[in-house]
C-alpha atoms as a PDB file:
ATOM      1  CA  MET A   1     100.855  99.109 103.290  1.00  0.00           C
ATOM      2  CA  ARG A   2     101.370 102.254 105.345  1.00  0.00           C
ATOM      3  CA  GLN A   3     101.563 104.166 102.051  1.00  0.00           C
ATOM      4  CA  THR A   4      98.906 102.343 100.030  1.00  0.00           C
ATOM      5  CA  LEU A   5      96.204 101.671 102.634  1.00  0.00           C
ATOM      6  CA  PRO A   6      94.873 105.246 103.050  1.00  0.00           C
ATOM      7  CA  HIS A   7      94.474 105.505  99.255  1.00  0.00           C
ATOM      8  CA  ASN A   8      92.833 102.083  98.969  1.00  0.00           C
ATOM      9  CA  LEU A   9      90.440 102.601 101.881  1.00  0.00           C
ATOM     10  CA  ALA A  10      89.046 105.666 100.097  1.00  0.00           C
ATOM     11  CA  PHE A  11      87.444 103.266  97.605  1.00  0.00           C
ATOM     12  CA  THR A  12      85.628 101.189 100.215  1.00  0.00           C
ATOM     13  CA  LYS A  13      81.926 101.512 100.875  1.00  0.00           C
ATOM     14  CA  VAL A  14      80.046 100.178 103.887  1.00  0.00           C
ATOM     15  CA  GLY A  15      78.203  97.002 102.927  1.00  0.00           C
ATOM     16  CA  GLU A  16      79.505  97.057  99.338  1.00  0.00           C
ATOM     17  CA  VAL A  17      83.302  97.250  99.017  1.00  0.00           C
ATOM     18  CA  GLU A  18      85.678  95.872 101.636  1.00  0.00           C
ATOM     19  CA  LEU A  19      89.417  95.356 101.939  1.00  0.00           C
ATOM     20  CA  CYS A  20      90.636  92.114 103.482  1.00  0.00           C
ATOM     21  CA  VAL A  21      94.113  91.914 104.975  1.00  0.00           C
ATOM     22  CA  LEU A  22      95.582  88.584 105.962  1.00  0.00           C
ATOM     23  CA  ALA A  23      98.667  88.842 108.155  1.00  0.00           C
ATOM     24  CA  TYR A  24     100.525  85.569 107.841  1.00  0.00           C
ATOM     25  CA  ASN A  25     102.478  84.747 111.003  1.00  0.00           C
ATOM     26  CA  ASP A  26     102.782  88.442 111.863  1.00  0.00           C
ATOM     27  CA  ASN A  27     100.914  89.930 114.857  1.00  0.00           C
ATOM     28  CA  SER A  28     102.148  93.474 114.195  1.00  0.00           C
ATOM     29  CA  VAL A  29      99.906  94.014 111.162  1.00  0.00           C
ATOM     30  CA  GLU A  30      96.629  93.390 112.962  1.00  0.00           C
ATOM     31  CA  GLU A  31      97.777  95.473 115.948  1.00  0.00           C
ATOM     32  CA  TYR A  32      98.745  98.367 113.647  1.00  0.00           C
ATOM     33  CA  LEU A  33      95.452  98.245 111.730  1.00  0.00           C
ATOM     34  CA  LYS A  34      93.332  98.114 114.890  1.00  0.00           C
ATOM     35  CA  ALA A  35      95.226 101.050 116.359  1.00  0.00           C
ATOM     36  CA  ASN A  36      95.110 103.200 113.222  1.00  0.00           C
ATOM     37  CA  TYR A  37      92.035 102.084 111.265  1.00  0.00           C
ATOM     38  CA  GLY A  38      89.626 100.868 113.937  1.00  0.00           C
ATOM     39  CA  GLU A  39      86.657 102.750 112.471  1.00  0.00           C
ATOM     40  CA  TYR A  40      87.058 100.922 109.145  1.00  0.00           C
ATOM     41  CA  ILE A  41      87.246  97.576 110.938  1.00  0.00           C
ATOM     42  CA  ALA A  42      84.180  98.419 113.038  1.00  0.00           C
ATOM     43  CA  ASP A  43      81.986  99.251 110.032  1.00  0.00           C
ATOM     44  CA  GLY A  44      83.235  96.315 107.919  1.00  0.00           C
ATOM     45  CA  ARG A  45      85.146  98.225 105.257  1.00  0.00           C
ATOM     46  CA  LEU A  46      88.386  96.673 106.488  1.00  0.00           C
ATOM     47  CA  LYS A  47      88.727  93.057 107.560  1.00  0.00           C
ATOM     48  CA  VAL A  48      91.905  91.878 109.168  1.00  0.00           C
ATOM     49  CA  LYS A  49      92.962  88.466 110.336  1.00  0.00           C
ATOM     50  CA  THR A  50      96.232  87.140 111.671  1.00  0.00           C
ATOM     51  CA  MET A  51      96.845  83.569 110.678  1.00  0.00           C
ATOM     52  CA  HIS A  52      99.442  81.531 112.528  1.00  0.00           C
ATOM     53  CA  ASP A  53     100.486  78.606 110.410  1.00  0.00           C
ATOM     54  CA  PRO A  54     103.563  76.379 110.541  1.00  0.00           C
ATOM     55  CA  ILE A  55     103.442  76.029 106.754  1.00  0.00           C
ATOM     56  CA  PRO A  56     105.790  78.547 105.101  1.00  0.00           C
ATOM     57  CA  PHE A  57     104.277  81.512 103.247  1.00  0.00           C
ATOM     58  CA  THR A  58     103.349  80.911  99.619  1.00  0.00           C
ATOM     59  CA  CYS A  59     101.580  83.475  97.455  1.00  0.00           C
ATOM     60  CA  GLY A  60      98.835  81.188  96.179  1.00  0.00           C
ATOM     61  CA  ARG A  61      97.982  79.880  99.638  1.00  0.00           C
ATOM     62  CA  VAL A  62      97.734  83.348 101.167  1.00  0.00           C
ATOM     63  CA  LYS A  63      95.650  84.696  98.245  1.00  0.00           C
ATOM     64  CA  ASN A  64      93.187  81.828  98.688  1.00  0.00           C
ATOM     65  CA  PHE A  65      92.869  82.536 102.412  1.00  0.00           C
ATOM     66  CA  SER A  66      92.393  86.266 101.866  1.00  0.00           C
ATOM     67  CA  HIS A  67      89.743  85.660  99.196  1.00  0.00           C
ATOM     68  CA  ALA A  68      87.913  83.424 101.671  1.00  0.00           C
ATOM     69  CA  MET A  69      87.641  86.466 103.971  1.00  0.00           C
ATOM     70  CA  GLY A  70      85.781  88.494 101.327  1.00  0.00           C
ATOM     71  CA  THR A  71      81.985  88.506 101.158  1.00  0.00           C
ATOM     72  CA  GLY A  72      81.310  90.082  97.762  1.00  0.00           C
ATOM     73  CA  ASP A  73      80.506  88.638  94.354  1.00  0.00           C
ATOM     74  CA  ILE A  74      83.752  90.039  92.932  1.00  0.00           C
ATOM     75  CA  LEU A  75      87.127  89.184  94.440  1.00  0.00           C
ATOM     76  CA  PHE A  76      90.038  91.514  93.728  1.00  0.00           C
ATOM     77  CA  ASN A  77      93.571  90.496  94.584  1.00  0.00           C
ATOM     78  CA  LEU A  78      95.472  93.635  95.508  1.00  0.00           C
ATOM     79  CA  ASP A  79      98.953  93.140  96.888  1.00  0.00           C
ATOM     80  CA  ALA A  80      99.811  95.376  99.851  1.00  0.00           C
ATOM     81  CA  ASP A  81     102.241  97.403  97.737  1.00  0.00           C
ATOM     82  CA  ASN A  82      99.617  98.234  95.077  1.00  0.00           C
ATOM     83  CA  TYR A  83      97.120 101.064  94.715  1.00  0.00           C
ATOM     84  CA  ILE A  84      93.516 100.480  93.592  1.00  0.00           C
ATOM     85  CA  ALA A  85      93.408 103.734  91.600  1.00  0.00           C
ATOM     86  CA  ASN A  86      91.805 103.246  88.172  1.00  0.00           C
ATOM     87  CA  ALA A  87      91.004  99.600  88.891  1.00  0.00           C
ATOM     88  CA  HIS A  88      88.096 100.536  91.156  1.00  0.00           C
ATOM     89  CA  ASP A  89      85.621 101.410  88.403  1.00  0.00           C
ATOM     90  CA  LEU A  90      86.791  98.531  86.213  1.00  0.00           C
ATOM     91  CA  VAL A  91      86.263  96.049  89.038  1.00  0.00           C
ATOM     92  CA  LEU A  92      82.716  97.275  89.681  1.00  0.00           C
ATOM     93  CA  GLN A  93      81.891  96.873  85.960  1.00  0.00           C
ATOM     94  CA  LEU A  94      83.354  93.368  85.650  1.00  0.00           C
ATOM     95  CA  LYS A  95      81.023  90.919  83.910  1.00  0.00           C
ATOM     96  CA  PRO A  96      80.641  87.328  85.172  1.00  0.00           C
ATOM     97  CA  ASN A  97      82.561  85.903  82.183  1.00  0.00           C
ATOM     98  CA  GLN A  98      85.582  88.223  82.554  1.00  0.00           C
ATOM     99  CA  ILE A  99      88.848  88.415  84.449  1.00  0.00           C
ATOM    100  CA  LEU A 100      90.484  91.783  85.008  1.00  0.00           C
ATOM    101  CA  LYS A 101      94.289  91.725  84.982  1.00  0.00           C
ATOM    102  CA  ASN A 102      96.874  94.454  85.030  1.00  0.00           C
ATOM    103  CA  ILE A 103      99.106  94.827  82.003  1.00  0.00           C
ATOM    104  CA  ILE A 104     102.650  96.061  81.769  1.00  0.00           C
ATOM    105  CA  HIS A 105     103.073  99.692  82.789  1.00  0.00           C
ATOM    106  CA  ASP A 106     105.543 101.136  80.310  1.00  0.00           C
ATOM    107  CA  THR A 107     108.504  98.778  80.758  1.00  0.00           C
ATOM    108  CA  VAL A 108     107.699  97.593  84.283  1.00  0.00           C
ATOM    109  CA  SER A 109     105.786  94.380  84.888  1.00  0.00           C
ATOM    110  CA  VAL A 110     103.205  94.889  87.611  1.00  0.00           C
ATOM    111  CA  SER A 111     101.634  91.988  89.481  1.00  0.00           C
ATOM    112  CA  GLY A 112      99.119  91.709  92.262  1.00  0.00           C
ATOM    113  CA  ARG A 113      95.981  93.177  90.656  1.00  0.00           C
ATOM    114  CA  ILE A 114      93.440  90.606  89.447  1.00  0.00           C
ATOM    115  CA  ALA A 115      89.638  90.725  89.701  1.00  0.00           C
ATOM    116  CA  ILE A 116      87.340  87.759  89.163  1.00  0.00           C
ATOM    117  CA  HIS A 117      83.790  86.769  90.067  1.00  0.00           C
ATOM    118  CA  ARG A 118      83.613  84.522  93.103  1.00  0.00           C
ATOM    119  CA  HIS A 119      81.912  81.634  91.280  1.00  0.00           C
ATOM    120  CA  ILE A 120      84.677  81.513  88.663  1.00  0.00           C
ATOM    121  CA  PHE A 121      87.385  81.707  91.318  1.00  0.00           C
ATOM    122  CA  HIS A 122      85.937  78.678  93.085  1.00  0.00           C
ATOM    123  CA  GLY A 123      85.096  76.917  89.816  1.00  0.00           C
ATOM    124  CA  ILE A 124      88.736  76.800  88.744  1.00  0.00           C
ATOM    125  CA  GLY A 125      89.964  75.966  92.226  1.00  0.00           C
ATOM    126  CA  GLY A 126      91.503  79.296  93.227  1.00  0.00           C
ATOM    127  CA  TYR A 127      95.231  79.927  93.109  1.00  0.00           C
ATOM    128  CA  ARG A 128      97.771  77.123  92.977  1.00  0.00           C
ATOM    129  CA  ASP A 129     101.147  77.311  94.617  1.00  0.00           C
ATOM    130  CA  VAL A 130     103.394  77.464  91.578  1.00  0.00           C
ATOM    131  CA  GLY A 131     106.028  79.849  92.880  1.00  0.00           C
ATOM    132  CA  ARG A 132     106.224  83.394  91.548  1.00  0.00           C
ATOM    133  CA  ASN A 133     103.945  82.578  88.606  1.00  0.00           C
ATOM    134  CA  ASP A 134     100.749  82.060  90.606  1.00  0.00           C
ATOM    135  CA  ASP A 135      99.033  85.039  88.907  1.00  0.00           C
ATOM    136  CA  GLY A 136      99.976  83.826  85.433  1.00  0.00           C
ATOM    137  CA  ASP A 137      98.847  80.294  86.193  1.00  0.00           C
ATOM    138  CA  PHE A 138      95.538  81.570  87.571  1.00  0.00           C
ATOM    139  CA  VAL A 139      94.837  83.735  84.506  1.00  0.00           C
ATOM    140  CA  TYR A 140      95.844  80.917  82.143  1.00  0.00           C
ATOM    141  CA  ARG A 141      93.399  78.506  83.798  1.00  0.00           C
ATOM    142  CA  CYS A 142      90.624  81.107  83.530  1.00  0.00           C
ATOM    143  CA  LEU A 143      91.312  81.609  79.829  1.00  0.00           C
ATOM    144  CA  LYS A 144      91.299  77.832  79.262  1.00  0.00           C
ATOM    145  CA  VAL A 145      87.679  77.646  80.454  1.00  0.00           C
ATOM    146  CA  GLY A 146      86.564  80.551  78.259  1.00  0.00           C
ATOM    147  CA  ILE A 147      86.829  83.518  80.612  1.00  0.00           C
ATOM    148  CA  LYS A 148      87.645  86.704  78.701  1.00  0.00           C
ATOM    149  CA  LEU A 149      90.657  88.768  79.704  1.00  0.00           C
ATOM    150  CA  VAL A 150      90.048  92.468  80.326  1.00  0.00           C
ATOM    151  CA  PRO A 151      93.428  94.242  80.448  1.00  0.00           C
ATOM    152  CA  MET A 152      93.933  97.063  82.911  1.00  0.00           C
ATOM    153  CA  ARG A 153      96.728  99.613  82.799  1.00  0.00           C
ATOM    154  CA  CYS A 154      98.052 100.659  86.184  1.00  0.00           C
ATOM    155  CA  ASP A 155      97.973 104.424  86.533  1.00  0.00           C
ATOM    156  CA  ILE A 156      99.957 104.334  89.792  1.00  0.00           C
ATOM    157  CA  LEU A 157     102.915 101.970  90.069  1.00  0.00           C
ATOM    158  CA  PRO A 158     103.285  99.857  93.212  1.00  0.00           C
ATOM    159  CA  ILE A 159     105.620 101.109  95.887  1.00  0.00           C
ATOM    160  CA  SER A 160     108.916  99.323  96.175  1.00  0.00           C
ATOM    161  CA  SER A 161     109.456  97.635  99.493  1.00  0.00           C
ATOM    162  CA  GLU A 162     112.839  97.481 101.112  1.00  0.00           C
ATOM    163  CA  ARG A 163     111.924  94.135 102.630  1.00  0.00           C
ATOM    164  CA  GLU A 164     109.557  91.764 100.874  1.00  0.00           C
ATOM    165  CA  ASP A 165     108.642  90.096 104.172  1.00  0.00           C
ATOM    166  CA  ASP A 166     107.495  93.335 105.823  1.00  0.00           C
ATOM    167  CA  ILE A 167     103.874  94.019 104.858  1.00  0.00           C
ATOM    168  CA  LEU A 168     103.851  97.316 106.754  1.00  0.00           C
ATOM    169  CA  SER A 169     106.693  98.827 104.696  1.00  0.00           C
END
């Protein structure tokens, strides 16, 4: 996140586009963001919450909690190791009957970039905890109810993290 956050915050807009960061059982993330990005938190472009939960981390669970933090009509799942880049304009143009999903970048599969309208997200019940295939399961359930897939090519690959459990890498 130290590498991706400055890029991603450039796409925020007061009262219109916000980034929501959920730190799951990790106090250091919220402390770091308050110390380094306080102005974004103060004006609402960055929301941060530390959640202490005895239930082990699962991708679907955390994505559902982070989407609950958002206030907009469009929810965009962006993993901490991803850049918004070209997705920004595509997200803002998303129609209510569409889901925006990254596609394979050359030979590398890229996950963690999905946009959907809030009413559809809630209508299909959000993410399910199905292991590493939570994105695929979510998209499949959207397609089953008639939502149209809009593919998105990633123009900047995610960073690789040395430690998957360290969001600040």
